Amino acid sequence: MRTTESTVVVKDNVVVTVWEAGKPVKTYHAHNTWGIAGLNALRNWFAGLGGTPITHIAWVDTAGVERARDIVTQRLVTADKAVLFRQYLPSATPSNGYTLNRIRAYNAQTGGTRFAEAVFDPVGVAKTANNQITVEWTHSFADGGV
């Protein structure tokens, strides 16, 4: 008996930009890791089977502690069927005073399903009232063959 396995390939691109005085001062490019629960939830959402898509981005410090979780600013499906999520971490945030180095995608303000995580810098960015951070998280899906 032959079993069928998923052949979907997920390609991700995470761009995190640090801004000061309205100008970008540093940009990071990273890839992320998906959890099975997150992949299944996203599959169900795309297939129209219900569920809640990614709604929040969590900002995590170098100790692995979540310091802020804010609602996604923009979520859209691009012409080439990729999903793009944008989020903005403002100057005034509970994460000020912490060194942030990763983001996580969730479908709730607290708890919820963790879809994916990306480490954008091993050292991290010192979050202060003088900077803002944006993320653009693009998920592309392709048939990987059998």
N, C-alpha and C. Protein backbone atom coordinates (compact mmCIF):
# COMPACT_ATOMS: atom_id res chain seq x y z
N MET A 1 0.84 -1.18 0.00
CA MET A 1 0.00 0.00 0.00
C MET A 1 0.89 1.24 0.00
N ARG A 2 0.60 2.13 -0.89
CA ARG A 2 1.37 3.37 -1.00
C ARG A 2 0.64 4.48 -0.23
N THR A 3 1.39 5.21 0.55
CA THR A 3 0.80 6.34 1.26
C THR A 3 1.14 7.61 0.49
N THR A 4 0.29 8.58 0.61
CA THR A 4 0.51 9.85 -0.07
C THR A 4 1.11 10.83 0.93
N GLU A 5 2.16 11.47 0.50
CA GLU A 5 2.81 12.48 1.33
C GLU A 5 2.65 13.84 0.67
N SER A 6 2.65 14.85 1.49
CA SER A 6 2.55 16.20 0.97
C SER A 6 3.80 16.54 0.18
N THR A 7 3.62 17.19 -0.94
CA THR A 7 4.75 17.61 -1.76
C THR A 7 4.86 19.13 -1.84
N VAL A 8 4.18 19.81 -0.96
CA VAL A 8 4.20 21.27 -0.99
C VAL A 8 5.53 21.77 -0.43
N VAL A 9 6.13 22.66 -1.16
CA VAL A 9 7.36 23.30 -0.72
C VAL A 9 7.00 24.72 -0.29
N VAL A 10 7.42 25.09 0.92
CA VAL A 10 7.13 26.43 1.43
C VAL A 10 8.42 27.24 1.36
N LYS A 11 8.37 28.36 0.65
CA LYS A 11 9.52 29.24 0.54
C LYS A 11 9.17 30.54 1.25
N ASP A 12 10.06 30.96 2.11
CA ASP A 12 9.78 32.14 2.91
C ASP A 12 10.87 33.18 2.76
N ASN A 13 10.45 34.39 2.91
CA ASN A 13 11.36 35.51 2.89
C ASN A 13 10.92 36.48 3.98
N VAL A 14 11.77 36.71 4.94
CA VAL A 14 11.48 37.61 6.04
C VAL A 14 12.42 38.80 5.92
N VAL A 15 11.84 39.99 5.86
CA VAL A 15 12.64 41.22 5.81
C VAL A 15 12.26 42.06 7.02
N VAL A 16 13.22 42.30 7.88
CA VAL A 16 13.02 43.12 9.07
C VAL A 16 13.86 44.38 8.89
N THR A 17 13.22 45.53 9.07
CA THR A 17 13.92 46.81 8.90
C THR A 17 13.80 47.63 10.17
N VAL A 18 14.93 48.19 10.60
CA VAL A 18 14.96 49.09 11.75
C VAL A 18 15.00 50.52 11.21
N TRP A 19 14.13 51.37 11.77
CA TRP A 19 13.98 52.75 11.32
C TRP A 19 14.32 53.71 12.46
N GLU A 20 14.99 54.81 12.12
CA GLU A 20 15.24 55.91 13.06
C GLU A 20 15.03 57.22 12.32
N ALA A 21 14.29 58.12 12.93
CA ALA A 21 14.00 59.44 12.33
C ALA A 21 13.41 59.29 10.93
N GLY A 22 12.57 58.27 10.75
CA GLY A 22 11.89 58.08 9.48
C GLY A 22 12.74 57.47 8.37
N LYS A 23 13.95 57.03 8.69
CA LYS A 23 14.84 56.47 7.68
C LYS A 23 15.29 55.06 8.09
N PRO A 24 15.39 54.16 7.11
CA PRO A 24 15.89 52.82 7.45
C PRO A 24 17.37 52.86 7.79
N VAL A 25 17.75 52.22 8.90
CA VAL A 25 19.16 52.21 9.31
C VAL A 25 19.78 50.82 9.22
N LYS A 26 18.95 49.79 9.20
CA LYS A 26 19.47 48.42 9.11
C LYS A 26 18.35 47.51 8.61
N THR A 27 18.68 46.63 7.68
CA THR A 27 17.73 45.67 7.15
C THR A 27 18.30 44.27 7.28
N TYR A 28 17.47 43.35 7.73
CA TYR A 28 17.85 41.95 7.91
C TYR A 28 17.00 41.08 6.99
N HIS A 29 17.60 40.04 6.44
CA HIS A 29 16.89 39.07 5.61
C HIS A 29 17.06 37.71 6.27
N ALA A 30 15.96 36.99 6.41
CA ALA A 30 16.00 35.69 7.07
C ALA A 30 14.98 34.75 6.48
N HIS A 31 15.08 33.50 6.84
CA HIS A 31 14.07 32.49 6.51
C HIS A 31 13.51 31.99 7.83
N ASN A 32 12.41 31.28 7.78
CA ASN A 32 11.80 30.85 9.03
C ASN A 32 11.56 29.35 9.05
N THR A 33 11.16 28.88 10.22
CA THR A 33 10.77 27.48 10.39
C THR A 33 9.28 27.45 10.68
N TRP A 34 8.60 26.48 10.09
CA TRP A 34 7.16 26.30 10.28
C TRP A 34 6.91 25.19 11.27
N GLY A 35 5.88 25.33 12.06
CA GLY A 35 5.39 24.24 12.90
C GLY A 35 4.29 23.51 12.14
N ILE A 36 4.10 22.24 12.43
CA ILE A 36 3.07 21.44 11.77
C ILE A 36 1.69 22.06 11.99
N ALA A 37 1.40 22.49 13.21
CA ALA A 37 0.09 23.09 13.49
C ALA A 37 -0.13 24.34 12.64
N GLY A 38 0.91 25.14 12.46
CA GLY A 38 0.81 26.34 11.64
C GLY A 38 0.58 26.03 10.18
N LEU A 39 1.32 25.05 9.65
CA LEU A 39 1.13 24.65 8.25
C LEU A 39 -0.29 24.12 8.02
N ASN A 40 -0.75 23.29 8.95
CA ASN A 40 -2.11 22.74 8.82
C ASN A 40 -3.16 23.83 8.88
N ALA A 41 -2.99 24.79 9.78
CA ALA A 41 -3.97 25.88 9.91
C ALA A 41 -3.97 26.74 8.64
N LEU A 42 -2.79 27.02 8.09
CA LEU A 42 -2.73 27.82 6.88
C LEU A 42 -3.32 27.06 5.70
N ARG A 43 -3.07 25.76 5.61
CA ARG A 43 -3.67 24.94 4.55
C ARG A 43 -5.19 24.99 4.63
N ASN A 44 -5.72 24.83 5.84
CA ASN A 44 -7.18 24.85 6.02
C ASN A 44 -7.77 26.20 5.64
N TRP A 45 -7.08 27.27 6.00
CA TRP A 45 -7.55 28.61 5.67
C TRP A 45 -7.58 28.80 4.16
N PHE A 46 -6.48 28.41 3.47
CA PHE A 46 -6.43 28.52 2.01
C PHE A 46 -7.51 27.68 1.34
N ALA A 47 -7.79 26.51 1.89
CA ALA A 47 -8.76 25.59 1.28
C ALA A 47 -10.20 25.96 1.60
N GLY A 48 -10.39 26.99 2.41
CA GLY A 48 -11.73 27.41 2.76
C GLY A 48 -12.38 26.52 3.80
N LEU A 49 -11.55 25.82 4.57
CA LEU A 49 -12.07 24.89 5.58
C LEU A 49 -12.22 25.56 6.94
N GLY A 50 -12.10 26.86 6.97
CA GLY A 50 -12.25 27.57 8.24
C GLY A 50 -10.92 27.80 8.92
N GLY A 51 -11.01 28.23 10.15
CA GLY A 51 -9.79 28.53 10.90
C GLY A 51 -9.44 30.00 10.81
N THR A 52 -8.53 30.39 11.64
CA THR A 52 -8.10 31.78 11.70
C THR A 52 -6.70 31.89 11.13
N PRO A 53 -6.48 32.77 10.16
CA PRO A 53 -5.14 32.92 9.60
C PRO A 53 -4.23 33.68 10.56
N ILE A 54 -3.03 33.94 10.12
CA ILE A 54 -2.09 34.72 10.92
C ILE A 54 -2.66 36.12 11.13
N THR A 55 -2.75 36.52 12.39
CA THR A 55 -3.30 37.83 12.73
C THR A 55 -2.34 38.68 13.55
N HIS A 56 -1.34 38.06 14.18
CA HIS A 56 -0.44 38.79 15.08
C HIS A 56 1.01 38.37 14.86
N ILE A 57 1.92 39.31 15.08
CA ILE A 57 3.35 39.05 15.04
C ILE A 57 3.89 39.32 16.45
N ALA A 58 4.62 38.34 16.98
CA ALA A 58 5.25 38.49 18.29
C ALA A 58 6.73 38.82 18.09
N TRP A 59 7.22 39.72 18.91
CA TRP A 59 8.63 40.12 18.90
C TRP A 59 9.27 39.50 20.13
N VAL A 60 10.36 38.79 19.94
CA VAL A 60 10.96 37.96 20.99
C VAL A 60 12.40 38.40 21.20
N ASP A 61 12.82 38.39 22.48
CA ASP A 61 14.18 38.82 22.79
C ASP A 61 15.16 37.65 22.71
N THR A 62 16.44 37.95 22.95
CA THR A 62 17.50 36.95 22.81
C THR A 62 17.41 35.83 23.84
N ALA A 63 16.63 36.03 24.91
CA ALA A 63 16.42 34.97 25.91
C ALA A 63 15.22 34.09 25.54
N GLY A 64 14.56 34.40 24.43
CA GLY A 64 13.39 33.62 24.00
C GLY A 64 12.09 34.07 24.62
N VAL A 65 12.08 35.25 25.25
CA VAL A 65 10.88 35.77 25.92
C VAL A 65 10.15 36.72 24.97
N GLU A 66 8.86 36.50 24.81
CA GLU A 66 8.03 37.38 23.98
C GLU A 66 7.87 38.71 24.69
N ARG A 67 8.22 39.81 23.99
CA ARG A 67 8.16 41.14 24.59
C ARG A 67 7.02 42.00 24.04
N ALA A 68 6.50 41.66 22.88
CA ALA A 68 5.36 42.38 22.30
C ALA A 68 4.68 41.45 21.31
N ARG A 69 3.36 41.57 21.21
CA ARG A 69 2.60 40.87 20.17
C ARG A 69 1.54 41.84 19.67
N ASP A 70 1.68 42.22 18.41
CA ASP A 70 0.80 43.22 17.83
C ASP A 70 0.10 42.67 16.60
N ILE A 71 -1.03 43.27 16.29
CA ILE A 71 -1.84 42.83 15.16
C ILE A 71 -1.10 43.09 13.84
N VAL A 72 -1.29 42.19 12.90
CA VAL A 72 -0.72 42.35 11.57
C VAL A 72 -1.31 43.62 10.94
N THR A 73 -0.46 44.45 10.39
CA THR A 73 -0.88 45.70 9.77
C THR A 73 -1.52 45.45 8.41
N GLN A 74 -0.96 44.49 7.67
CA GLN A 74 -1.49 44.19 6.34
C GLN A 74 -1.29 42.71 6.04
N ARG A 75 -2.32 42.11 5.44
CA ARG A 75 -2.26 40.70 5.02
C ARG A 75 -2.88 40.63 3.64
N LEU A 76 -2.12 40.10 2.66
CA LEU A 76 -2.67 40.02 1.32
C LEU A 76 -2.08 38.83 0.57
N VAL A 77 -2.81 38.37 -0.44
CA VAL A 77 -2.35 37.33 -1.34
C VAL A 77 -1.88 38.05 -2.60
N THR A 78 -0.63 37.83 -2.98
CA THR A 78 -0.06 38.51 -4.13
C THR A 78 -0.51 37.85 -5.43
N ALA A 79 -0.20 38.49 -6.55
CA ALA A 79 -0.59 37.97 -7.86
C ALA A 79 -0.01 36.58 -8.12
N ASP A 80 1.17 36.30 -7.57
CA ASP A 80 1.78 34.98 -7.78
C ASP A 80 1.43 34.00 -6.66
N LYS A 81 0.35 34.29 -5.94
CA LYS A 81 -0.23 33.40 -4.92
C LYS A 81 0.64 33.24 -3.67
N ALA A 82 1.51 34.17 -3.42
CA ALA A 82 2.24 34.19 -2.15
C ALA A 82 1.38 34.96 -1.15
N VAL A 83 1.62 34.73 0.13
CA VAL A 83 0.92 35.47 1.18
C VAL A 83 1.92 36.41 1.83
N LEU A 84 1.55 37.67 1.92
CA LEU A 84 2.42 38.68 2.50
C LEU A 84 1.78 39.23 3.77
N PHE A 85 2.56 39.26 4.85
CA PHE A 85 2.12 39.83 6.13
C PHE A 85 3.08 40.98 6.45
N ARG A 86 2.50 42.11 6.85
CA ARG A 86 3.32 43.24 7.29
C ARG A 86 2.91 43.61 8.71
N GLN A 87 3.91 44.04 9.47
CA GLN A 87 3.62 44.48 10.83
C GLN A 87 4.62 45.56 11.20
N TYR A 88 4.18 46.47 12.05
CA TYR A 88 4.95 47.64 12.44
C TYR A 88 5.05 47.67 13.95
N LEU A 89 6.27 47.70 14.47
CA LEU A 89 6.50 47.82 15.91
C LEU A 89 6.87 49.28 16.18
N PRO A 90 6.00 50.06 16.82
CA PRO A 90 6.20 51.50 16.95
C PRO A 90 7.27 51.88 17.98
N SER A 91 7.49 53.17 18.09
CA SER A 91 8.45 53.69 19.07
C SER A 91 8.04 53.33 20.49
N ALA A 92 6.77 53.53 20.82
CA ALA A 92 6.25 53.24 22.16
C ALA A 92 5.72 51.81 22.19
N THR A 93 6.42 50.94 22.87
CA THR A 93 6.04 49.52 22.94
C THR A 93 6.62 48.91 24.20
N PRO A 94 5.99 47.87 24.74
CA PRO A 94 6.54 47.19 25.92
C PRO A 94 7.90 46.53 25.66
N SER A 95 8.27 46.40 24.39
CA SER A 95 9.55 45.76 24.07
C SER A 95 10.74 46.71 24.17
N ASN A 96 10.48 48.01 24.42
CA ASN A 96 11.60 48.95 24.60
C ASN A 96 12.46 48.50 25.77
N GLY A 97 13.78 48.59 25.57
CA GLY A 97 14.72 48.18 26.60
C GLY A 97 15.17 46.73 26.46
N TYR A 98 14.65 46.03 25.47
CA TYR A 98 15.04 44.63 25.24
C TYR A 98 15.74 44.50 23.89
N THR A 99 16.55 43.48 23.78
CA THR A 99 17.23 43.18 22.52
C THR A 99 16.44 42.10 21.81
N LEU A 100 15.83 42.47 20.69
CA LEU A 100 14.96 41.57 19.94
C LEU A 100 15.74 40.90 18.81
N ASN A 101 15.49 39.60 18.62
CA ASN A 101 16.22 38.91 17.55
C ASN A 101 15.36 37.93 16.75
N ARG A 102 14.08 37.80 17.10
CA ARG A 102 13.23 36.87 16.34
C ARG A 102 11.79 37.33 16.36
N ILE A 103 11.05 36.81 15.39
CA ILE A 103 9.62 37.08 15.32
C ILE A 103 8.89 35.75 15.21
N ARG A 104 7.64 35.77 15.65
CA ARG A 104 6.78 34.59 15.55
C ARG A 104 5.42 35.03 15.01
N ALA A 105 4.82 34.18 14.21
CA ALA A 105 3.50 34.47 13.63
C ALA A 105 2.45 33.64 14.36
N TYR A 106 1.38 34.32 14.81
CA TYR A 106 0.29 33.68 15.56
C TYR A 106 -1.06 34.07 14.97
N ASN A 107 -2.11 33.40 15.45
CA ASN A 107 -3.47 33.76 15.04
C ASN A 107 -4.30 34.25 16.22
N ALA A 108 -3.65 34.82 17.23
CA ALA A 108 -4.37 35.36 18.40
C ALA A 108 -3.46 36.35 19.13
N GLN A 109 -4.09 37.26 19.88
CA GLN A 109 -3.35 38.22 20.70
C GLN A 109 -2.58 37.52 21.82
N THR A 110 -3.18 36.50 22.40
CA THR A 110 -2.49 35.67 23.39
C THR A 110 -2.80 34.22 23.05
N GLY A 111 -1.89 33.34 23.37
CA GLY A 111 -2.11 31.93 23.03
C GLY A 111 -2.17 31.76 21.53
N GLY A 112 -3.10 30.95 21.06
CA GLY A 112 -3.26 30.75 19.63
C GLY A 112 -2.26 29.76 19.07
N THR A 113 -2.32 29.57 17.77
CA THR A 113 -1.42 28.68 17.06
C THR A 113 -0.18 29.45 16.62
N ARG A 114 0.98 28.89 16.92
CA ARG A 114 2.22 29.47 16.41
C ARG A 114 2.44 28.89 15.02
N PHE A 115 2.38 29.75 14.01
CA PHE A 115 2.55 29.31 12.64
C PHE A 115 4.02 29.12 12.30
N ALA A 116 4.84 30.12 12.58
CA ALA A 116 6.23 30.09 12.16
C ALA A 116 7.06 31.00 13.05
N GLU A 117 8.38 30.82 12.96
CA GLU A 117 9.32 31.65 13.71
C GLU A 117 10.52 31.93 12.83
N ALA A 118 11.06 33.13 12.93
CA ALA A 118 12.26 33.50 12.18
C ALA A 118 13.22 34.24 13.10
N VAL A 119 14.47 33.81 13.10
CA VAL A 119 15.54 34.54 13.78
C VAL A 119 16.15 35.45 12.73
N PHE A 120 15.98 36.76 12.91
CA PHE A 120 16.49 37.69 11.90
C PHE A 120 17.90 38.17 12.19
N ASP A 121 18.36 38.03 13.44
CA ASP A 121 19.73 38.39 13.78
C ASP A 121 20.11 37.68 15.07
N PRO A 122 21.18 36.90 15.08
CA PRO A 122 21.56 36.19 16.31
C PRO A 122 21.88 37.13 17.47
N VAL A 123 22.45 38.29 17.17
CA VAL A 123 22.83 39.25 18.22
C VAL A 123 21.62 40.06 18.67
N GLY A 124 20.80 40.48 17.75
CA GLY A 124 19.58 41.21 18.08
C GLY A 124 19.69 42.71 17.88
N VAL A 125 18.53 43.35 17.98
CA VAL A 125 18.38 44.79 17.83
C VAL A 125 17.91 45.36 19.16
N ALA A 126 18.63 46.35 19.67
CA ALA A 126 18.21 47.02 20.91
C ALA A 126 17.00 47.89 20.59
N LYS A 127 15.85 47.53 21.13
CA LYS A 127 14.62 48.30 20.90
C LYS A 127 14.57 49.45 21.88
N THR A 128 14.42 50.67 21.33
CA THR A 128 14.33 51.88 22.16
C THR A 128 13.16 52.72 21.68
N ALA A 129 12.90 53.79 22.40
CA ALA A 129 11.85 54.73 21.99
C ALA A 129 12.27 55.53 20.75
N ASN A 130 13.54 55.43 20.37
CA ASN A 130 14.04 56.18 19.22
C ASN A 130 14.01 55.38 17.92
N ASN A 131 13.54 54.12 17.97
CA ASN A 131 13.49 53.36 16.72
C ASN A 131 12.16 52.63 16.57
N GLN A 132 11.88 52.27 15.35
CA GLN A 132 10.71 51.48 15.00
C GLN A 132 11.22 50.29 14.19
N ILE A 133 10.46 49.21 14.18
CA ILE A 133 10.87 48.04 13.41
C ILE A 133 9.68 47.56 12.59
N THR A 134 9.93 47.24 11.34
CA THR A 134 8.90 46.68 10.49
C THR A 134 9.31 45.29 10.03
N VAL A 135 8.32 44.48 9.74
CA VAL A 135 8.58 43.16 9.16
C VAL A 135 7.68 42.97 7.95
N GLU A 136 8.24 42.40 6.91
CA GLU A 136 7.49 41.93 5.75
C GLU A 136 7.80 40.44 5.64
N TRP A 137 6.77 39.63 5.80
CA TRP A 137 6.94 38.18 5.86
C TRP A 137 6.17 37.60 4.69
N THR A 138 6.88 37.08 3.70
CA THR A 138 6.25 36.53 2.50
C THR A 138 6.37 35.01 2.50
N HIS A 139 5.23 34.34 2.32
CA HIS A 139 5.19 32.88 2.26
C HIS A 139 4.77 32.48 0.85
N SER A 140 5.62 31.74 0.16
CA SER A 140 5.31 31.24 -1.18
C SER A 140 5.17 29.73 -1.10
N PHE A 141 4.19 29.19 -1.79
CA PHE A 141 3.93 27.76 -1.76
C PHE A 141 4.06 27.22 -3.18
N ALA A 142 4.74 26.09 -3.32
CA ALA A 142 4.92 25.49 -4.65
C ALA A 142 4.83 23.98 -4.53
N ASP A 143 4.43 23.34 -5.59
CA ASP A 143 4.37 21.88 -5.64
C ASP A 143 5.80 21.37 -5.77
N GLY A 144 6.23 20.58 -4.81
CA GLY A 144 7.60 20.06 -4.81
C GLY A 144 7.75 18.78 -5.60
N GLY A 145 6.67 18.25 -6.19
CA GLY A 145 6.75 17.01 -6.95
C GLY A 145 6.61 15.81 -6.05
N VAL A 146 6.68 14.64 -6.64
CA VAL A 146 6.57 13.40 -5.85
C VAL A 146 7.83 12.59 -5.95
